[in-house]
Protein backbone atom coordinates (compact mmCIF):
# COMPACT_ATOMS: atom_id res chain seq x y z
CA UNK A 1 92.38 103.27 107.86
CA UNK A 2 88.94 103.24 109.57
CA UNK A 3 89.04 104.94 112.98
CA UNK A 4 89.56 108.66 113.05
CA UNK A 5 91.83 108.78 116.09
CA UNK A 6 94.10 105.72 114.69
CA UNK A 7 94.24 108.13 111.38
CA UNK A 8 95.54 111.05 113.59
CA UNK A 9 98.01 108.97 115.19
CA UNK A 10 99.38 107.42 112.17
CA UNK A 11 99.52 110.94 110.19
CA UNK A 12 101.91 111.99 112.97
CA UNK A 13 104.57 109.52 111.44
CA UNK A 14 104.21 111.44 108.25
CA UNK A 15 103.39 108.66 105.69
CA UNK A 16 103.30 109.77 102.16
CA UNK A 17 99.90 107.98 101.58
CA UNK A 18 96.82 106.96 103.87
CA UNK A 19 94.44 104.54 102.22
CA UNK A 20 90.47 104.56 102.43
CA UNK A 21 89.00 101.41 101.26
CA UNK A 22 85.81 101.73 99.50
CA UNK A 23 84.88 97.89 98.71
CA UNK A 24 82.27 96.97 100.92
CA UNK A 25 83.12 93.37 101.14
CA UNK A 26 86.50 94.35 102.92
CA UNK A 27 86.54 94.20 106.90
CA UNK A 28 88.45 97.69 106.16
CA UNK A 29 85.71 99.22 104.47
CA UNK A 30 85.28 103.05 105.21
CA UNK A 31 82.09 104.94 105.35
CA UNK A 32 82.73 107.48 107.89
CA UNK A 33 84.17 110.98 108.05
CA UNK A 34 87.60 112.12 107.93
CA UNK A 35 89.55 113.90 110.61
CA UNK A 36 91.83 116.71 109.76
CA UNK A 37 95.20 115.52 108.73
CA UNK A 38 98.04 117.12 107.45
CA UNK A 39 97.64 118.01 103.17
CA UNK A 40 101.04 116.71 102.48
CA UNK A 41 99.46 112.97 103.21
CA UNK A 42 98.03 111.97 100.11
CA UNK A 43 94.28 110.34 100.93
CA UNK A 44 94.11 107.39 98.70
CA UNK A 45 90.70 105.82 97.86
CA UNK A 46 90.92 102.17 96.87
CA UNK A 47 88.39 100.94 94.49
CA UNK A 48 87.12 97.53 93.26
CA UNK A 49 85.43 97.68 89.97
CA UNK A 50 83.43 100.71 90.88
CA UNK A 51 81.50 102.83 88.17
CA UNK A 52 83.21 106.08 86.96
CA UNK A 53 80.54 108.23 88.63
CA UNK A 54 80.80 106.36 92.05
CA UNK A 55 84.61 107.10 92.14
CA UNK A 56 83.90 110.94 90.96
CA UNK A 57 81.54 111.01 93.90
CA UNK A 58 83.99 109.86 96.42
CA UNK A 59 86.99 112.00 95.03
CA UNK A 60 84.92 114.91 95.51
CA UNK A 61 83.51 113.78 99.19
CA UNK A 62 86.75 113.17 100.57
CA UNK A 63 88.99 115.32 98.36
CA UNK A 64 91.04 112.27 97.46
CA UNK A 65 94.61 112.93 96.38
CA UNK A 66 94.93 109.43 94.64
CA UNK A 67 93.01 106.37 93.34
CA UNK A 68 93.95 102.87 93.55
CA UNK A 69 92.27 100.35 90.95
CA UNK A 70 91.99 97.10 92.77
CA UNK A 71 89.82 95.13 90.35
CA UNK A 72 89.63 94.20 86.95
CA UNK A 73 89.44 97.74 85.44
CA UNK A 74 90.76 97.70 81.98
CA UNK A 75 92.93 100.40 80.31
CA UNK A 76 90.28 101.82 78.63
CA UNK A 77 88.12 102.21 81.96
CA UNK A 78 91.37 103.89 83.47
CA UNK A 79 91.83 106.21 80.40
CA UNK A 80 87.81 107.00 80.61
CA UNK A 81 88.25 107.67 84.50
CA UNK A 82 91.31 109.83 84.03
CA UNK A 83 89.55 112.07 81.43
CA UNK A 84 86.16 112.26 83.65
CA UNK A 85 88.11 113.62 86.55
CA UNK A 86 90.02 116.05 84.66
CA UNK A 87 86.89 117.21 82.97
CA UNK A 88 85.60 118.11 86.55
CA UNK A 89 88.54 119.61 87.47
CA UNK A 90 90.20 116.70 89.49
CA UNK A 91 93.60 115.04 89.03
CA UNK A 92 94.54 112.68 91.46
CA UNK A 93 97.20 110.16 90.94
CA UNK A 94 95.77 106.69 89.51
CA UNK A 95 97.51 103.71 90.88
CA UNK A 96 96.66 100.27 88.88
CA UNK A 97 96.77 97.02 91.12
CA UNK A 98 98.31 94.00 89.48
CA UNK A 99 98.05 90.55 91.56
CA UNK A 100 100.97 88.61 90.95
CA UNK A 101 100.85 84.67 91.21
CA UNK A 102 103.41 82.04 89.79
CA UNK A 103 102.87 83.08 86.33
CA UNK A 104 102.54 86.69 85.95
CA UNK A 105 103.45 88.42 82.75
CA UNK A 106 104.53 91.60 82.94
CA UNK A 107 103.37 92.04 79.34
CA UNK A 108 99.99 92.90 81.05
CA UNK A 109 101.02 96.29 81.96
CA UNK A 110 101.78 97.53 78.74
CA UNK A 111 98.21 98.91 77.97
CA UNK A 112 98.01 100.89 81.14
CA UNK A 113 101.60 102.56 80.08
CA UNK A 114 101.07 106.12 79.67
CA UNK A 115 97.46 106.43 81.38
CA UNK A 116 98.41 105.51 85.14
CA UNK A 117 100.76 106.97 87.50
CA UNK A 118 101.92 103.82 89.00
CA UNK A 119 101.38 100.29 89.14
CA UNK A 120 100.96 98.42 92.39
CA UNK A 121 102.13 94.96 92.77
CA UNK A 122 100.05 92.58 95.37
CA UNK A 123 100.05 89.08 96.35
CA UNK A 124 97.46 86.90 94.15
CA UNK A 125 95.04 85.51 96.71
CA UNK A 126 91.61 84.84 97.87
CA UNK A 127 91.17 88.15 99.02
CA UNK A 128 91.05 91.77 97.48
CA UNK A 129 94.26 92.56 99.35
CA UNK A 130 95.19 91.86 102.68
CA UNK A 131 96.05 88.48 102.29
CA UNK A 132 98.99 88.58 104.60
CA UNK A 133 101.22 86.93 102.47
CA UNK A 134 104.03 88.07 100.08
CA UNK A 135 104.72 87.12 96.54
CA UNK A 136 108.08 85.91 95.01
CA UNK A 137 109.76 89.53 94.89
CA UNK A 138 112.69 88.24 92.81
CA UNK A 139 110.22 88.42 89.73
CA UNK A 140 110.78 92.53 90.40
CA UNK A 141 114.37 92.14 89.18
CA UNK A 142 113.13 91.56 85.41
CA UNK A 143 110.72 94.60 85.78
CA UNK A 144 110.56 96.15 82.09
CA UNK A 145 108.86 99.25 82.90
CA UNK A 146 109.78 102.96 83.54
CA UNK A 147 106.37 103.22 85.14
CA UNK A 148 107.49 103.67 89.08
CA UNK A 149 105.73 100.81 91.32
CA UNK A 150 104.27 100.55 94.97
CA UNK A 151 105.27 97.19 96.56
CA UNK A 152 102.45 95.40 98.59
CA UNK A 153 101.48 92.04 99.96
CA UNK A 154 102.12 90.67 103.14
CA UNK A 155 104.85 93.13 103.98
CA UNK A 156 105.80 92.94 107.61
CA UNK A 157 108.53 94.37 109.93
CA UNK A 158 110.89 91.63 109.07
CA UNK A 159 111.10 92.68 105.28
CA UNK A 160 113.06 95.64 105.69
CA UNK A 161 116.21 94.29 104.54
CA UNK A 162 114.48 92.52 101.31
CA UNK A 163 112.95 96.00 100.46
CA UNK A 164 116.37 97.71 100.81
CA UNK A 165 117.91 95.12 98.51
CA UNK A 166 115.61 95.58 95.55
CA UNK A 167 115.71 99.72 95.80
CA UNK A 168 119.75 99.01 95.72
CA UNK A 169 118.93 96.86 92.49
CA UNK A 170 117.12 99.45 90.77
CA UNK A 171 119.86 102.08 92.02
CA UNK A 172 122.30 99.74 90.41
CA UNK A 173 120.28 100.11 87.16
CA UNK A 174 120.49 103.81 87.48
CA UNK A 175 116.36 103.75 88.41
CA UNK A 176 116.44 104.72 91.79
CA UNK A 177 112.97 105.61 91.96
CA UNK A 178 111.42 102.77 90.03
CA UNK A 179 110.21 101.33 93.81
CA UNK A 180 108.36 104.40 94.36
CA UNK A 181 106.60 103.29 97.60
CA UNK A 182 105.87 100.58 100.18
CA UNK A 183 102.03 99.62 100.89
CA UNK A 184 102.02 98.09 104.15
CA UNK A 185 98.56 96.87 105.74
CA UNK A 186 97.67 93.79 107.48
CA UNK A 187 100.98 93.15 109.26
CA UNK A 188 101.07 96.41 111.08
CA UNK A 189 97.46 96.09 112.36
CA UNK A 190 95.82 95.29 115.81
CA UNK A 191 92.94 94.55 113.89
CA UNK A 192 91.50 95.12 110.16
CA UNK A 193 91.68 98.87 109.71
CA UNK A 194 93.57 99.51 113.51
CA UNK A 195 97.22 100.05 112.89
CA UNK A 196 100.33 99.51 115.17
CA UNK A 197 101.91 102.85 115.84
CA UNK A 198 105.20 102.02 117.19
CA UNK A 199 105.74 99.16 114.34
CA UNK A 200 104.87 101.67 111.63
CA UNK A 201 107.50 104.13 112.93
CA UNK A 202 110.11 101.66 113.26
CA UNK A 203 109.53 100.10 110.01
CA UNK A 204 109.72 103.66 108.29
CA UNK A 205 112.87 104.33 109.94
CA UNK A 206 114.61 101.08 108.76
CA UNK A 207 113.20 101.10 104.93
CA UNK A 208 114.54 104.91 105.04
CA UNK A 209 117.98 104.71 106.35
C-alpha cells in the first residue's frame, strides 16, 4: 500500500494484514505517513536485505505488527533480528519469504524452523515480488513442515478455486491452518500501490466461503 486514502478504503474490507514495502527499488516503496486504521489489521513491513537497525527504526516509527524478510536473509540474521526486537520490547511476527522456481528444495526451510513464525512462498522472477506470475502450486502438496505459510505470486481473481483446493488438501491431512494466508498484490491493482476495492472484496468472499 502507498496512498492514505486507498489504505483507508482497503482497511474497511478488514484484511488481516496490510503491507508496506520499505525497499526503495520497488515501485510500491513506502516512505509516507500512515492513516489511522484498525488495530486489528496487522501492519506489515516488507524488507530486502536491510540491516537490523533499519528494521528496528521502521518497527518503532510505524508500530509494525509483522516483518516480511524478502531478501537473502539467513537464519542467523533472522534469529539476531528476533532477539534484538525482543530486547527492545517489540514482538512483531516474523515472515521469511522463499522464491520458488523449477527446482526448489524444501530443505532450505529447515534452518529457519523455530525462528520465524511463518514462511511465504512467492514466484522466483526478475523482480523482488510483484512479478504477476504464479509458480507451480502442486509443489505445496509435498510441503513437509508444520510451520504455517502464506501463498503469494501472481494471485488473481481467477485463483479462488485453486486456493480452495489447497486448503482442502491440508484439511484432509489434519492440518487445516497450514495454508495460513493469501498474499495478493499486482493483479488487484490499478497501478503499483493502488488497489482495486471491488475485486478485493469479491475475492475475500470467494476464498472464505
